Amino acid sequence: MLLCVRTTIDLDEQLFRELKEEAARRGTTLRQLLHEYLRKAKAAPGRRTKYRFRWKTDPRGQIQPGVRLNDRESLFDLMEGR
């Protein structure tokens, strides 16, 4: 049994116009277009990759000379070119 649920969403005017134009170009309804977009978004959650920190190193793969990782102020000085 297919159950349809109605709901109300607020779209800004520009987005609404863009969606209506897209639906018209495809020859479909706004409802069908939104269903398609929502299904795609639900099927592909979490596409973001995790942030990965990488140290800046010299060509040999070593931390640059003068960098003291346990001295916050010296790190800020180095980053700001002091």
N, C-alpha and C. Protein backbone atom coordinates (compact mmCIF):
# COMPACT_ATOMS: atom_id res chain seq x y z
N MET A 1 0.84 -1.18 0.00
CA MET A 1 0.00 0.00 0.00
C MET A 1 0.88 1.24 0.00
N LEU A 2 0.63 2.15 -0.91
CA LEU A 2 1.39 3.38 -1.02
C LEU A 2 0.73 4.46 -0.18
N LEU A 3 1.49 5.02 0.73
CA LEU A 3 0.98 6.07 1.60
C LEU A 3 1.66 7.37 1.23
N CYS A 4 0.90 8.39 0.94
CA CYS A 4 1.46 9.71 0.63
C CYS A 4 1.20 10.64 1.80
N VAL A 5 2.21 11.40 2.14
CA VAL A 5 2.11 12.34 3.25
C VAL A 5 2.35 13.73 2.70
N ARG A 6 1.52 14.66 3.10
CA ARG A 6 1.70 16.04 2.68
C ARG A 6 2.41 16.81 3.79
N THR A 7 3.28 17.71 3.35
CA THR A 7 3.96 18.56 4.31
C THR A 7 4.20 19.91 3.64
N THR A 8 4.57 20.87 4.44
CA THR A 8 4.86 22.20 3.93
C THR A 8 6.31 22.52 4.21
N ILE A 9 7.00 23.01 3.18
CA ILE A 9 8.37 23.46 3.38
C ILE A 9 8.49 24.89 2.87
N ASP A 10 9.39 25.64 3.45
CA ASP A 10 9.63 27.01 3.01
C ASP A 10 10.88 27.04 2.15
N LEU A 11 10.75 27.53 0.94
CA LEU A 11 11.87 27.68 0.03
C LEU A 11 12.04 29.17 -0.27
N ASP A 12 13.30 29.60 -0.36
CA ASP A 12 13.45 31.00 -0.74
C ASP A 12 13.04 31.14 -2.20
N GLU A 13 12.68 32.35 -2.59
CA GLU A 13 12.09 32.59 -3.89
C GLU A 13 13.01 32.18 -5.04
N GLN A 14 14.30 32.48 -4.92
CA GLN A 14 15.25 32.15 -5.98
C GLN A 14 15.36 30.63 -6.18
N LEU A 15 15.46 29.89 -5.08
CA LEU A 15 15.54 28.43 -5.17
C LEU A 15 14.27 27.86 -5.79
N PHE A 16 13.13 28.38 -5.37
CA PHE A 16 11.85 27.92 -5.92
C PHE A 16 11.81 28.11 -7.43
N ARG A 17 12.24 29.29 -7.91
CA ARG A 17 12.25 29.57 -9.35
C ARG A 17 13.18 28.61 -10.09
N GLU A 18 14.37 28.38 -9.51
CA GLU A 18 15.33 27.48 -10.15
C GLU A 18 14.77 26.05 -10.24
N LEU A 19 14.13 25.60 -9.18
CA LEU A 19 13.55 24.26 -9.19
C LEU A 19 12.42 24.15 -10.20
N LYS A 20 11.57 25.16 -10.26
CA LYS A 20 10.46 25.15 -11.23
C LYS A 20 11.01 25.13 -12.66
N GLU A 21 12.06 25.91 -12.92
CA GLU A 21 12.64 25.94 -14.26
C GLU A 21 13.26 24.58 -14.61
N GLU A 22 13.94 23.98 -13.64
CA GLU A 22 14.54 22.65 -13.86
C GLU A 22 13.45 21.62 -14.17
N ALA A 23 12.38 21.67 -13.41
CA ALA A 23 11.27 20.73 -13.64
C ALA A 23 10.69 20.94 -15.04
N ALA A 24 10.52 22.19 -15.46
CA ALA A 24 9.97 22.48 -16.79
C ALA A 24 10.91 21.99 -17.88
N ARG A 25 12.21 22.20 -17.71
CA ARG A 25 13.19 21.73 -18.71
C ARG A 25 13.13 20.21 -18.86
N ARG A 26 12.92 19.53 -17.74
CA ARG A 26 12.87 18.06 -17.77
C ARG A 26 11.50 17.53 -18.18
N GLY A 27 10.52 18.40 -18.19
CA GLY A 27 9.17 17.95 -18.52
C GLY A 27 8.53 17.16 -17.40
N THR A 28 8.83 17.53 -16.18
CA THR A 28 8.29 16.83 -15.01
C THR A 28 7.67 17.85 -14.05
N THR A 29 7.15 17.38 -12.97
CA THR A 29 6.55 18.30 -11.98
C THR A 29 7.56 18.63 -10.90
N LEU A 30 7.30 19.71 -10.21
CA LEU A 30 8.16 20.10 -9.09
C LEU A 30 8.16 18.99 -8.03
N ARG A 31 7.02 18.39 -7.80
CA ARG A 31 6.92 17.30 -6.81
C ARG A 31 7.83 16.14 -7.19
N GLN A 32 7.78 15.72 -8.44
CA GLN A 32 8.62 14.60 -8.88
C GLN A 32 10.10 14.95 -8.80
N LEU A 33 10.45 16.19 -9.15
CA LEU A 33 11.83 16.63 -9.07
C LEU A 33 12.33 16.62 -7.62
N LEU A 34 11.53 17.13 -6.71
CA LEU A 34 11.91 17.13 -5.30
C LEU A 34 12.05 15.71 -4.76
N HIS A 35 11.15 14.83 -5.15
CA HIS A 35 11.25 13.43 -4.73
C HIS A 35 12.57 12.83 -5.20
N GLU A 36 12.92 13.10 -6.46
CA GLU A 36 14.17 12.58 -7.00
C GLU A 36 15.38 13.10 -6.21
N TYR A 37 15.41 14.42 -5.97
CA TYR A 37 16.53 15.01 -5.24
C TYR A 37 16.61 14.48 -3.81
N LEU A 38 15.47 14.34 -3.17
CA LEU A 38 15.48 13.84 -1.79
C LEU A 38 15.94 12.38 -1.73
N ARG A 39 15.49 11.57 -2.68
CA ARG A 39 15.93 10.17 -2.70
C ARG A 39 17.44 10.06 -2.94
N LYS A 40 17.96 10.88 -3.86
CA LYS A 40 19.41 10.88 -4.12
C LYS A 40 20.18 11.32 -2.87
N ALA A 41 19.71 12.36 -2.22
CA ALA A 41 20.40 12.85 -1.03
C ALA A 41 20.36 11.82 0.09
N LYS A 42 19.25 11.14 0.24
CA LYS A 42 19.12 10.12 1.28
C LYS A 42 19.99 8.90 0.98
N ALA A 43 20.13 8.56 -0.29
CA ALA A 43 20.91 7.38 -0.68
C ALA A 43 22.42 7.60 -0.55
N ALA A 44 22.84 8.85 -0.55
CA ALA A 44 24.28 9.13 -0.52
C ALA A 44 24.66 10.06 0.63
N PRO A 45 24.35 9.66 1.87
CA PRO A 45 24.73 10.54 2.99
C PRO A 45 26.22 10.44 3.27
N GLY A 46 26.74 11.44 3.90
CA GLY A 46 28.12 11.41 4.38
C GLY A 46 29.17 11.32 3.30
N ARG A 47 29.03 12.06 2.25
CA ARG A 47 30.03 12.06 1.20
C ARG A 47 31.30 12.80 1.60
N ARG A 48 31.24 13.54 2.67
CA ARG A 48 32.39 14.32 3.10
C ARG A 48 33.53 13.41 3.53
N THR A 49 34.71 13.81 3.19
CA THR A 49 35.87 13.06 3.65
C THR A 49 36.34 13.68 4.96
N LYS A 50 36.94 12.86 5.80
CA LYS A 50 37.43 13.36 7.07
C LYS A 50 38.60 14.30 6.84
N TYR A 51 38.70 15.30 7.69
CA TYR A 51 39.83 16.21 7.63
C TYR A 51 41.09 15.47 8.05
N ARG A 52 42.13 15.67 7.29
CA ARG A 52 43.39 15.01 7.61
C ARG A 52 44.47 16.06 7.74
N PHE A 53 45.06 16.15 8.92
CA PHE A 53 46.11 17.12 9.16
C PHE A 53 47.43 16.60 8.62
N ARG A 54 48.15 17.47 7.92
CA ARG A 54 49.47 17.09 7.42
C ARG A 54 50.47 18.15 7.84
N TRP A 55 51.55 17.73 8.44
CA TRP A 55 52.61 18.65 8.84
C TRP A 55 53.28 19.21 7.60
N LYS A 56 53.67 20.48 7.66
CA LYS A 56 54.52 21.04 6.61
C LYS A 56 55.93 20.62 6.92
N THR A 57 56.56 19.99 5.97
CA THR A 57 57.91 19.48 6.20
C THR A 57 58.85 19.99 5.13
N ASP A 58 60.14 19.83 5.38
CA ASP A 58 61.12 20.17 4.36
C ASP A 58 61.17 19.03 3.35
N PRO A 59 61.94 19.17 2.26
CA PRO A 59 61.96 18.13 1.23
C PRO A 59 62.37 16.74 1.73
N ARG A 60 63.09 16.68 2.85
CA ARG A 60 63.49 15.36 3.38
C ARG A 60 62.41 14.74 4.25
N GLY A 61 61.30 15.45 4.42
CA GLY A 61 60.21 14.91 5.23
C GLY A 61 60.34 15.22 6.71
N GLN A 62 61.21 16.16 7.05
CA GLN A 62 61.40 16.53 8.45
C GLN A 62 60.73 17.85 8.73
N ILE A 63 60.32 18.05 9.99
CA ILE A 63 59.73 19.33 10.38
C ILE A 63 60.79 20.40 10.23
N GLN A 64 60.39 21.56 9.77
CA GLN A 64 61.33 22.63 9.49
C GLN A 64 62.12 23.04 10.73
N PRO A 65 63.40 23.43 10.55
CA PRO A 65 64.23 23.83 11.68
C PRO A 65 63.62 25.01 12.43
N GLY A 66 63.78 25.03 13.73
CA GLY A 66 63.29 26.13 14.55
C GLY A 66 61.86 25.95 15.04
N VAL A 67 61.19 24.92 14.59
CA VAL A 67 59.81 24.68 15.01
C VAL A 67 59.82 23.89 16.31
N ARG A 68 59.24 24.50 17.35
CA ARG A 68 59.12 23.81 18.64
C ARG A 68 57.63 23.55 18.86
N LEU A 69 57.22 22.32 18.71
CA LEU A 69 55.80 21.97 18.76
C LEU A 69 55.18 22.18 20.14
N ASN A 70 55.99 22.24 21.17
CA ASN A 70 55.44 22.42 22.52
C ASN A 70 55.45 23.88 22.96
N ASP A 71 55.75 24.81 22.04
CA ASP A 71 55.78 26.24 22.36
C ASP A 71 54.82 26.99 21.44
N ARG A 72 53.64 27.22 21.96
CA ARG A 72 52.57 27.83 21.18
C ARG A 72 52.95 29.20 20.64
N GLU A 73 53.53 30.04 21.49
CA GLU A 73 53.88 31.39 21.07
C GLU A 73 54.92 31.37 19.95
N SER A 74 55.90 30.48 20.05
CA SER A 74 56.91 30.41 19.00
C SER A 74 56.30 29.91 17.70
N LEU A 75 55.32 29.02 17.78
CA LEU A 75 54.63 28.56 16.58
C LEU A 75 53.88 29.71 15.91
N PHE A 76 53.17 30.53 16.72
CA PHE A 76 52.45 31.68 16.16
C PHE A 76 53.44 32.66 15.54
N ASP A 77 54.55 32.90 16.20
CA ASP A 77 55.58 33.80 15.64
C ASP A 77 56.06 33.29 14.29
N LEU A 78 56.34 32.00 14.22
CA LEU A 78 56.82 31.39 12.99
C LEU A 78 55.78 31.50 11.87
N MET A 79 54.51 31.24 12.21
CA MET A 79 53.44 31.31 11.20
C MET A 79 53.24 32.73 10.70
N GLU A 80 53.46 33.70 11.57
CA GLU A 80 53.25 35.09 11.18
C GLU A 80 54.52 35.72 10.63
N GLY A 81 55.58 34.95 10.50
CA GLY A 81 56.81 35.44 9.90
C GLY A 81 57.64 36.34 10.79
N ARG A 82 57.48 36.22 12.11
CA ARG A 82 58.28 37.04 13.03
C ARG A 82 59.58 36.40 13.36
